[in-house]
Protein backbone atom coordinates (compact mmCIF):
# COMPACT_ATOMS: atom_id res chain seq x y z
CA MET A 1 -5.09 -10.52 3.27
CA MET A 2 -4.59 -13.82 5.05
CA ILE A 3 -1.19 -14.82 6.38
CA PRO A 4 0.24 -17.53 4.10
CA LYS A 5 0.64 -20.95 5.68
CA ASN A 6 4.39 -21.07 5.12
CA PRO A 7 5.74 -17.53 4.76
CA TRP A 8 9.37 -16.72 5.30
CA ALA A 9 9.75 -15.19 8.73
CA TRP A 10 12.78 -13.55 10.24
CA PRO A 11 13.24 -10.76 12.80
CA ILE A 12 14.75 -7.73 11.18
CA PHE A 13 16.45 -6.51 14.33
CA PRO A 14 17.87 -8.30 17.38
CA ILE A 15 15.47 -8.54 20.29
CA ASP A 16 17.14 -5.64 22.13
CA HIS A 17 15.94 -3.28 19.39
CA VAL A 18 12.30 -3.88 20.32
CA HIS A 19 10.36 -4.07 23.53
CA PRO A 20 10.24 -7.66 24.77
CA ALA A 21 6.90 -9.34 24.16
CA GLY A 22 5.03 -9.83 27.41
CA TYR A 23 3.01 -12.81 26.24
CA SER A 24 3.84 -16.26 24.93
CA GLY A 25 0.42 -17.83 25.41
CA GLY A 26 -0.07 -18.47 21.71
CA MET A 27 1.82 -21.76 21.72
CA GLY A 28 -0.24 -24.36 19.90
CA LYS A 29 -2.78 -21.75 18.78
CA LYS A 30 -3.58 -20.22 15.40
CA ALA A 31 -4.00 -16.59 14.33
CA TYR A 32 -5.95 -15.25 11.36
CA ILE A 33 -5.33 -11.71 10.08
CA GLU A 34 -7.63 -9.91 7.64
CA THR A 35 -6.40 -6.70 6.05
CA TRP A 36 -8.09 -3.83 4.24
CA GLY A 37 -6.53 -0.83 2.56
CA CYS A 38 -3.20 0.32 1.22
CA GLN A 39 0.17 -1.38 1.04
CA MET A 40 1.14 0.33 4.28
CA ASN A 41 -1.66 -1.62 5.93
CA VAL A 42 -0.53 -4.85 4.28
CA HIS A 43 2.95 -4.29 5.68
CA GLN A 44 1.51 -3.42 9.09
CA SER A 45 -0.22 -6.81 9.03
CA GLU A 46 3.15 -8.41 8.29
CA ARG A 47 4.43 -6.75 11.46
CA ILE A 48 1.39 -7.89 13.44
CA ALA A 49 2.03 -11.42 12.15
CA GLY A 50 5.65 -11.16 13.27
CA LEU A 51 4.64 -10.12 16.78
CA LEU A 52 2.07 -12.91 17.04
CA ALA A 53 4.59 -15.46 15.77
CA ARG A 54 6.98 -14.34 18.49
CA ALA A 55 4.16 -14.92 20.99
CA GLY A 56 3.79 -18.48 19.73
CA TYR A 57 0.90 -18.22 17.27
CA GLU A 58 0.89 -20.15 14.00
CA PRO A 59 -0.70 -18.43 10.98
CA THR A 60 -3.84 -19.72 9.34
CA ASP A 61 -5.80 -18.60 6.30
CA ASP A 62 -8.95 -20.36 7.55
CA ILE A 63 -10.94 -18.18 9.95
CA SER A 64 -12.87 -21.22 11.23
CA THR A 65 -9.68 -22.72 12.71
CA ALA A 66 -8.36 -19.55 14.35
CA ASP A 67 -8.03 -19.06 18.10
CA LEU A 68 -7.27 -15.38 17.48
CA ILE A 69 -8.84 -13.20 14.77
CA VAL A 70 -7.33 -9.78 14.00
CA PHE A 71 -8.83 -7.18 11.66
CA ASN A 72 -6.42 -4.51 10.39
CA THR A 73 -8.66 -1.87 8.88
CA CYS A 74 -8.81 1.10 6.50
CA ALA A 75 -10.73 4.34 7.07
CA VAL A 76 -9.93 6.16 3.82
CA ARG A 77 -13.32 5.48 2.23
CA GLN A 78 -16.77 5.08 3.79
CA LYS A 79 -17.44 2.07 1.56
CA ALA A 80 -14.35 0.27 2.89
CA GLU A 81 -15.41 1.02 6.47
CA GLU A 82 -18.87 -0.43 5.85
CA LYS A 83 -17.36 -3.60 4.38
CA VAL A 84 -15.29 -4.07 7.53
CA TYR A 85 -18.35 -3.73 9.76
CA GLY A 86 -20.16 -6.26 7.60
CA ARG A 87 -17.39 -8.79 8.19
CA ILE A 88 -17.81 -8.59 11.97
CA GLY A 89 -20.91 -10.77 11.59
CA GLU A 90 -18.65 -13.66 10.53
CA VAL A 91 -16.59 -13.18 13.68
CA MET A 92 -19.74 -13.22 15.82
CA GLU A 93 -20.70 -16.54 14.23
CA GLN A 94 -17.30 -17.96 15.13
CA LYS A 95 -17.55 -16.71 18.72
CA ARG A 96 -20.98 -18.28 19.17
CA THR A 97 -19.64 -21.76 18.47
CA ARG A 98 -16.21 -21.76 20.16
CA PRO A 99 -13.81 -19.68 22.26
CA VAL A 100 -12.00 -17.19 20.05
CA LEU A 101 -10.41 -13.79 20.69
CA PHE A 102 -11.16 -10.88 18.35
CA GLY A 103 -8.84 -7.90 17.97
CA PHE A 104 -9.91 -4.88 15.92
CA GLY A 105 -7.34 -2.32 14.86
CA GLY A 106 -5.76 -0.11 12.25
CA CYS A 107 -7.10 3.17 10.93
CA ILE A 108 -10.76 2.64 11.85
CA GLY A 109 -9.72 1.68 15.36
CA GLN A 110 -7.59 4.82 15.68
CA VAL A 111 -10.32 7.13 14.34
CA ARG A 112 -13.49 5.64 15.83
CA GLY A 113 -12.02 4.65 19.18
CA GLU A 114 -14.03 3.28 22.09
CA ALA A 115 -17.34 3.80 20.29
CA LEU A 116 -16.51 0.59 18.45
CA LEU A 117 -16.61 -1.39 21.71
CA ARG A 118 -20.10 -0.13 22.44
CA ARG A 119 -21.29 -0.89 18.93
CA PHE A 120 -19.63 -4.30 18.57
CA PRO A 121 -19.57 -6.43 21.76
CA ALA A 122 -17.62 -9.09 19.84
CA ILE A 123 -14.44 -6.96 20.01
CA ASP A 124 -12.13 -8.18 22.79
CA PHE A 125 -9.33 -5.69 22.28
CA LEU A 126 -8.99 -2.50 20.25
CA PHE A 127 -5.76 -1.04 18.91
CA GLY A 128 -4.74 1.70 16.50
CA THR A 129 -1.90 2.41 14.11
CA SER A 130 1.03 2.84 16.48
CA ASP A 131 2.78 1.14 19.41
CA LEU A 132 2.15 -2.28 17.89
CA ASN A 133 4.74 -3.68 20.29
CA ALA A 134 1.96 -3.66 22.89
CA LEU A 135 -0.12 -6.12 20.85
CA PRO A 136 1.02 -9.34 22.61
CA ASP A 137 0.14 -7.79 25.96
CA LEU A 138 -3.27 -6.75 24.65
CA VAL A 139 -3.87 -10.35 23.60
CA ALA A 140 -2.80 -11.56 27.06
CA ARG A 141 -5.21 -9.23 28.84
CA ALA A 142 -8.05 -10.13 26.49
CA ALA A 143 -7.34 -13.83 27.12
CA ALA A 144 -7.73 -13.08 30.84
CA GLY A 145 -11.20 -11.68 30.20
CA VAL A 146 -10.42 -7.95 30.13
CA ARG A 147 -11.70 -5.82 27.25
CA VAL A 148 -8.85 -3.45 26.51
CA VAL A 149 -8.29 -0.34 24.40
CA HIS A 150 -4.85 0.87 23.33
CA LEU A 151 -4.96 3.98 21.14
CA PRO A 152 -1.89 6.14 21.83
CA PRO A 153 -1.33 9.09 19.50
CA PRO A 154 1.00 8.07 16.65
CA ARG A 155 4.57 9.05 17.55
CA GLY A 156 7.98 8.03 16.28
CA THR A 157 8.63 4.89 14.27
CA GLU A 158 8.78 1.28 15.43
CA GLU A 159 11.28 -1.50 14.76
CA LEU A 160 9.36 -4.78 14.76
CA PRO A 161 9.74 -8.40 13.67
CA VAL A 162 8.10 -9.24 10.35
CA ARG A 163 6.41 -12.32 8.93
CA ARG A 164 6.38 -11.47 5.24
CA ALA A 165 3.40 -12.32 3.07
CA SER A 166 5.50 -12.54 -0.10
CA ARG A 167 8.63 -14.49 -0.96
CA VAL A 168 9.39 -12.15 -3.85
CA THR A 169 8.77 -8.57 -2.67
CA ALA A 170 9.89 -7.21 0.70
CA MET A 171 8.01 -4.13 1.86
CA VAL A 172 10.21 -1.69 3.79
CA THR A 173 8.76 1.35 5.56
CA ILE A 174 10.76 4.56 5.21
CA SER A 175 8.27 6.88 6.92
CA GLU A 176 4.92 6.89 8.66
CA GLY A 177 2.16 9.47 8.76
CA CYS A 178 1.66 12.57 6.63
CA SER A 179 1.77 16.32 7.30
CA ASN A 180 0.37 17.62 4.00
CA GLY A 181 -3.17 18.25 5.25
CA CYS A 182 -5.28 17.50 2.19
CA SER A 183 -8.80 18.62 3.03
CA TYR A 184 -10.50 15.25 2.39
CA CYS A 185 -7.86 12.92 3.81
CA ILE A 186 -8.17 11.11 7.12
CA VAL A 187 -4.59 9.77 7.08
CA PRO A 188 -3.07 12.50 9.32
CA ARG A 189 -5.76 11.81 11.92
CA ALA A 190 -5.40 8.03 11.62
CA ARG A 191 -1.61 7.79 11.30
CA GLY A 192 -0.33 11.08 12.64
CA PRO A 193 2.18 13.55 11.21
CA LEU A 194 5.20 12.62 9.12
CA ARG A 195 7.81 10.57 11.01
CA SER A 196 10.83 9.58 8.94
CA ARG A 197 12.61 6.36 9.82
CA PRO A 198 16.38 6.53 10.42
CA PRO A 199 18.18 5.70 7.17
CA GLU A 200 20.46 3.15 8.84
CA TYR A 201 17.40 1.11 9.86
CA VAL A 202 15.98 1.30 6.33
CA LEU A 203 19.28 0.20 4.78
CA ARG A 204 19.72 -2.59 7.30
CA GLU A 205 16.27 -3.98 6.53
CA VAL A 206 16.96 -3.84 2.79
CA GLU A 207 20.24 -5.71 3.32
CA GLU A 208 18.40 -8.35 5.35
CA ALA A 209 15.84 -8.75 2.57
CA LEU A 210 18.56 -9.11 -0.05
CA ALA A 211 20.37 -11.71 2.06
CA ALA A 212 17.11 -13.63 2.50
CA GLY A 213 16.69 -13.93 -1.26
CA TYR A 214 14.14 -11.24 -2.01
CA LYS A 215 14.26 -10.00 -5.60
CA GLU A 216 12.35 -6.78 -5.07
CA VAL A 217 12.09 -4.15 -2.35
CA LEU A 218 9.10 -1.82 -2.11
CA LEU A 219 9.87 1.38 -0.17
CA LEU A 220 6.73 2.55 1.61
CA GLY A 221 5.44 5.80 3.00
CA GLN A 222 2.21 7.76 2.94
CA ASN A 223 4.31 10.28 1.00
CA VAL A 224 7.80 8.98 0.28
CA ASP A 225 8.88 12.26 -1.33
CA SER A 226 8.55 14.09 2.00
CA TYR A 227 11.08 11.75 3.64
CA GLY A 228 13.46 13.70 5.87
CA ARG A 229 11.38 16.88 6.03
CA ASP A 230 10.89 16.30 9.76
CA ARG A 231 14.50 15.16 10.28
CA PRO A 232 16.81 17.05 7.89
CA GLU A 233 19.82 15.14 9.24
CA TYR A 234 18.43 12.01 7.56
CA GLY A 235 18.76 13.54 4.10
CA ASP A 236 16.00 13.58 1.50
CA PHE A 237 14.26 10.78 -0.38
CA ALA A 238 16.49 11.10 -3.43
CA ALA A 239 19.57 10.49 -1.26
CA LEU A 240 17.94 7.49 0.44
CA LEU A 241 16.88 6.03 -2.91
CA GLU A 242 20.45 6.35 -4.19
CA GLN A 243 21.77 4.51 -1.12
CA VAL A 244 19.24 1.70 -1.47
CA ALA A 245 20.01 1.34 -5.19
CA ARG A 246 23.71 0.90 -4.49
CA LEU A 247 23.02 -2.12 -2.26
CA GLY A 248 22.37 -4.20 -5.38
CA VAL A 249 18.73 -5.21 -4.94
CA PRO A 250 17.54 -6.48 -8.35
CA ARG A 251 14.41 -4.32 -8.28
CA ILE A 252 13.36 -1.31 -6.23
CA ARG A 253 9.93 0.30 -6.22
CA PHE A 254 8.45 3.08 -4.08
CA THR A 255 4.99 4.39 -3.22
CA SER A 256 3.25 6.72 -2.76
CA SER A 257 4.43 10.01 -4.22
CA HIS A 258 2.83 13.43 -3.83
CA PRO A 259 3.10 15.85 -6.79
CA ARG A 260 3.78 18.78 -4.46
CA ASP A 261 6.89 17.06 -3.10
CA MET A 262 8.16 15.24 -6.20
CA THR A 263 11.60 16.62 -7.13
CA THR A 264 13.80 16.44 -10.19
CA ARG A 265 16.43 14.82 -7.95
CA VAL A 266 14.13 11.85 -7.35
CA LEU A 267 13.47 11.48 -11.07
CA GLU A 268 17.20 11.67 -11.77
CA ALA A 269 17.82 8.92 -9.21
CA VAL A 270 15.28 6.71 -10.97
CA ALA A 271 16.93 7.43 -14.32
CA ALA A 272 20.44 6.78 -12.99
CA HIS A 273 19.88 3.28 -11.60
CA ARG A 274 18.57 0.45 -13.74
CA ASN A 275 17.38 -1.44 -10.65
CA VAL A 276 14.99 1.39 -9.71
CA CYS A 277 11.81 0.58 -11.62
CA ASN A 278 10.43 2.87 -14.31
CA HIS A 279 7.12 3.49 -12.58
CA ILE A 280 5.77 6.33 -10.47
CA HIS A 281 2.36 6.43 -8.82
CA LEU A 282 1.53 10.13 -8.71
CA ALA A 283 -1.95 10.92 -7.39
CA VAL A 284 -3.44 13.94 -9.17
CA GLN A 285 -6.99 13.61 -7.69
CA SER A 286 -8.53 16.26 -9.99
CA GLY A 287 -7.79 18.19 -13.16
CA SER A 288 -9.60 21.31 -11.93
CA ASP A 289 -7.40 24.01 -10.42
CA ARG A 290 -10.33 25.21 -8.32
CA ILE A 291 -10.96 21.76 -6.86
CA LEU A 292 -7.22 21.22 -6.32
CA ARG A 293 -7.16 24.45 -4.27
CA GLU A 294 -10.18 23.29 -2.26
CA MET A 295 -8.42 19.97 -1.66
CA ASN A 296 -5.26 21.82 -0.49
CA ARG A 297 -3.14 19.77 -2.89
CA GLY A 298 -0.54 22.49 -3.43
CA TYR A 299 -0.21 22.39 -7.23
CA THR A 300 -2.15 23.24 -10.36
CA ALA A 301 -3.12 20.91 -13.19
CA GLY A 302 -0.47 22.57 -15.35
CA GLU A 303 2.22 22.03 -12.73
CA PHE A 304 1.23 18.38 -12.45
CA LEU A 305 1.49 17.91 -16.22
CA ASP A 306 4.92 19.57 -16.13
CA ILE A 307 6.07 16.92 -13.62
CA VAL A 308 4.78 14.15 -15.88
CA LYS A 309 6.52 15.71 -18.90
CA ARG A 310 9.79 16.03 -16.97
CA ALA A 311 9.54 12.40 -15.81
CA ARG A 312 9.06 11.17 -19.37
CA GLU A 313 11.96 13.27 -20.63
CA LEU A 314 14.34 11.94 -17.97
CA ILE A 315 13.03 8.35 -17.93
CA PRO A 316 11.90 7.21 -21.39
CA GLY A 317 9.13 4.63 -21.16
CA ILE A 318 8.20 5.44 -17.56
CA ASN A 319 4.71 4.32 -16.55
CA VAL A 320 2.84 7.00 -14.62
CA THR A 321 -0.25 5.85 -12.71
CA THR A 322 -2.60 7.97 -10.63
CA ASP A 323 -5.60 8.37 -8.30
CA ILE A 324 -8.74 10.36 -9.12
CA ILE A 325 -11.58 11.46 -6.82
CA VAL A 326 -14.90 12.30 -8.47
CA GLY A 327 -17.75 14.16 -6.82
CA TYR A 328 -15.75 16.30 -4.40
CA PRO A 329 -18.05 18.91 -2.77
CA GLY A 330 -18.87 21.63 -5.27
CA GLU A 331 -17.42 19.77 -8.27
CA THR A 332 -19.21 21.14 -11.33
CA GLU A 333 -19.48 19.62 -14.78
CA ALA A 334 -16.75 22.06 -15.90
CA ASP A 335 -14.48 20.86 -13.08
CA PHE A 336 -15.04 17.27 -14.11
CA ARG A 337 -14.38 18.06 -17.79
CA ALA A 338 -11.03 19.54 -16.72
CA THR A 339 -10.22 16.20 -15.09
CA ILE A 340 -11.11 14.32 -18.28
CA GLU A 341 -8.91 16.67 -20.32
CA LEU A 342 -5.98 16.13 -17.95
CA ILE A 343 -6.37 12.34 -18.20
CA GLU A 344 -6.38 12.56 -22.01
CA GLU A 345 -3.20 14.62 -21.96
CA ALA A 346 -1.32 12.68 -19.26
CA ARG A 347 -2.28 9.23 -20.61
CA PHE A 348 -1.88 7.34 -17.35
CA GLY A 349 -1.09 3.64 -17.48
CA THR A 350 -3.64 2.95 -14.74
CA ILE A 351 -6.16 5.10 -12.89
CA PHE A 352 -7.54 4.24 -9.46
CA VAL A 353 -10.78 6.19 -9.20
CA ALA A 354 -13.13 6.60 -6.25
CA LYS A 355 -16.28 8.53 -5.45
CA TYR A 356 -15.80 11.17 -2.78
CA SER A 357 -17.09 10.26 0.65
CA PRO A 358 -16.75 12.57 3.68
CA ARG A 359 -14.47 11.26 6.41
CA PRO A 360 -14.85 12.26 10.07
CA GLY A 361 -12.69 15.10 11.28
CA THR A 362 -11.52 16.25 7.85
CA ARG A 363 -12.04 19.81 6.66
CA SER A 364 -14.09 18.72 3.65
CA SER A 365 -16.50 16.85 5.93
CA ARG A 366 -17.82 20.27 7.01
CA LEU A 367 -18.82 21.02 3.42
CA PRO A 368 -22.16 19.91 1.97
CA ASP A 369 -21.77 16.62 0.09
CA ASP A 370 -23.72 18.20 -2.75
CA VAL A 371 -22.86 16.12 -5.83
CA PRO A 372 -25.77 13.68 -6.27
CA PRO A 373 -24.91 9.96 -5.98
CA GLU A 374 -26.04 9.27 -9.55
CA VAL A 375 -23.74 12.03 -10.85
CA LYS A 376 -20.81 10.63 -8.87
CA GLU A 377 -21.50 7.19 -10.33
CA ALA A 378 -21.72 8.51 -13.89
CA ARG A 379 -18.43 10.37 -13.50
CA LEU A 380 -16.79 7.31 -11.98
CA GLN A 381 -17.88 5.18 -14.94
CA GLU A 382 -16.67 7.77 -17.45
CA VAL A 383 -13.21 7.86 -15.88
CA LEU A 384 -13.08 4.06 -15.79
CA ALA A 385 -14.06 3.82 -19.46
CA LEU A 386 -11.44 6.38 -20.45
CA SER A 387 -8.83 4.62 -18.34
CA ARG A 388 -9.62 1.31 -20.03
CA ARG A 389 -9.38 2.85 -23.50
CA ILE A 390 -6.05 4.53 -22.84
CA GLY A 391 -4.71 1.47 -21.02
CA LEU A 392 -5.56 -0.76 -23.97
CA GLU A 393 -4.00 1.66 -26.46
CA ILE A 394 -0.77 1.76 -24.46
CA ASN A 395 -0.64 -1.99 -23.83
CA GLN A 396 -1.26 -2.89 -27.47
CA ARG A 397 2.05 -1.25 -28.32
CA PHE A 398 3.80 -4.02 -26.38
CA ILE A 399 2.54 -6.84 -28.62
CA GLY A 400 5.53 -8.48 -30.26
CA ARG A 401 8.01 -6.88 -27.86
CA THR A 402 10.25 -8.77 -25.46
CA VAL A 403 10.14 -7.61 -21.83
CA GLU A 404 11.73 -8.56 -18.52
CA VAL A 405 9.25 -9.99 -16.00
CA LEU A 406 9.72 -10.83 -12.33
CA ILE A 407 7.40 -13.76 -11.61
CA GLU A 408 5.29 -13.15 -8.49
CA GLY A 409 3.03 -16.21 -8.32
CA ARG A 410 0.07 -17.89 -9.99
CA ASN A 411 -3.38 -16.54 -10.69
CA ARG A 412 -6.72 -18.25 -10.08
CA ASN A 413 -6.30 -20.26 -13.28
CA GLY A 414 -2.94 -21.57 -12.11
CA ASP A 415 -1.00 -19.52 -14.68
CA PRO A 416 2.21 -17.73 -13.65
CA TYR A 417 2.10 -13.95 -13.58
CA GLY A 418 4.53 -11.19 -12.79
CA ARG A 419 5.36 -7.56 -13.45
CA THR A 420 7.55 -5.70 -15.84
CA ASP A 421 10.05 -3.07 -14.80
CA ASP A 422 7.39 -0.44 -15.50
CA HIS A 423 4.76 -2.19 -13.35
CA ARG A 424 2.63 -3.87 -16.01
CA THR A 425 1.09 -7.20 -15.10
CA VAL A 426 2.02 -10.06 -17.46
CA VAL A 427 0.31 -13.47 -17.44
CA LEU A 428 2.14 -16.47 -18.94
CA PRO A 429 -0.52 -19.13 -19.68
CA GLY A 430 0.83 -22.66 -19.32
CA ALA A 431 4.40 -21.58 -18.53
CA THR A 432 6.54 -23.45 -15.98
CA VAL A 433 8.35 -20.46 -14.47
CA GLU A 434 8.22 -20.06 -10.69
CA ALA A 435 7.81 -17.16 -8.28
CA GLY A 436 11.04 -15.24 -7.76
CA GLU A 437 12.44 -16.03 -11.20
CA PHE A 438 13.20 -13.43 -13.83
CA ALA A 439 12.09 -14.27 -17.35
CA VAL A 440 12.32 -12.68 -20.76
CA VAL A 441 8.80 -12.76 -22.15
CA ARG A 442 7.47 -12.15 -25.65
CA ILE A 443 4.15 -10.30 -25.45
CA THR A 444 1.42 -11.97 -27.48
CA ARG A 445 -1.78 -10.27 -26.30
CA ALA A 446 -2.89 -7.09 -24.57
CA THR A 447 -5.91 -6.04 -22.54
CA SER A 448 -6.67 -2.78 -20.79
CA ALA A 449 -5.57 -4.36 -17.51
CA GLY A 450 -2.34 -6.03 -18.57
CA LEU A 451 -0.40 -8.25 -20.94
CA HIS A 452 -0.14 -11.93 -21.91
CA GLY A 453 3.03 -13.54 -23.16
CA GLU A 454 5.27 -16.57 -23.46
CA PRO A 455 8.80 -17.17 -22.16
CA ALA A 456 11.48 -16.31 -24.71
CA VAL A 457 14.84 -17.01 -23.05
CA PRO A 458 16.03 -17.26 -19.42
CA LEU A 459 17.44 -14.10 -17.92
CA GLU A 460 20.26 -13.68 -15.44
CA VAL A 461 19.24 -11.76 -12.33
CA LYS A 462 20.66 -8.24 -12.42
CA GLY A 463 21.65 -5.93 -9.62
CA GLU A 464 22.53 -2.26 -9.53
CA GLY A 465 24.43 -0.87 -12.43
């Protein structure tokens, strides 16, 4: 992700709610941010951009013009980590031709630590996933010629200024970290245990977004359904979702959900408020009960399917999407067939599938990575093919229907695109609608990845009801 040239920028909280920035040496200089990973990382980059803007930096999407380059990284998959390291060569090229500071941070920074400085001399300062308020001071020390590392253990939550990357959707963090302890997952090591954000701060940020003209709010957490488990006085996620819905935001989404923590109360809150979107991303990871136990997921395949059934009973037309890992240590052909059977029964709208890769410090990394690479690849391709078939079958049912679409922007061909209430991408070739507008669209064509349509009639923006 590159910071847009002209994003909307506004501090969410008055300056006395955050530590004062100790550096304003960015005046007249440009900052480039590159982001890998999940939407939590994208939002973290929005916060980094807000801090750098407060220090005087202007955003740029051209790395060759930047005085400061920041990488915000992801450690969830080995492949993603390798891509990040490959990009450091571009930074080295920039540093050979002109003075430029390079900051490396995020999950890889938190997990790999000072070893990165020894491996990559181009890094001027290293930071992790917490205490981002220190970032301007890290930049100041690096500008003075000091290589600096700041990797405190993740604690609490932070209230920071934000330079938003979108003018349509405002991301709002409700919690950070995760305490579930899945055997393969590096998130607890990279981002720490669950820390729920005070509800008054969440609601205040949503109100700010609504006042600034945002049409959609995306509530973020590594596991939103565990909100409040660490602070019972905050209430649970269902209660928070109800409060956000009553503020009147036209659209509300949330991610990610964990099947072990998904409650009927959350589903009822989605059903009760028309401005809470009919979409849940519920990561199943495997259809094998044995593999699910090994992963420490806390549910069986049957229990997962019961949640999906309950969701569809309470919320007709809900779109359930998921994540799948293939090739977990010890996964047999029978285990994989159980996953295929679950996919056939659940009929997910979209599947995000990845080959297992051991991550440092996780319990599964101590197990032999015994599924051959070619078997992992074959299983990956089979899941993708099945996902495409089911996705096309589902999407074809929308041809001829009229749906509500929130326009998000334009694609590479210059055509407007947006999303339906149930999180399906719709492209409107040749239409004149603009980002932030709601449109009623007649669907004319379907693919496995999304829908195509044409504007039918204008639609009045709706709030909670």
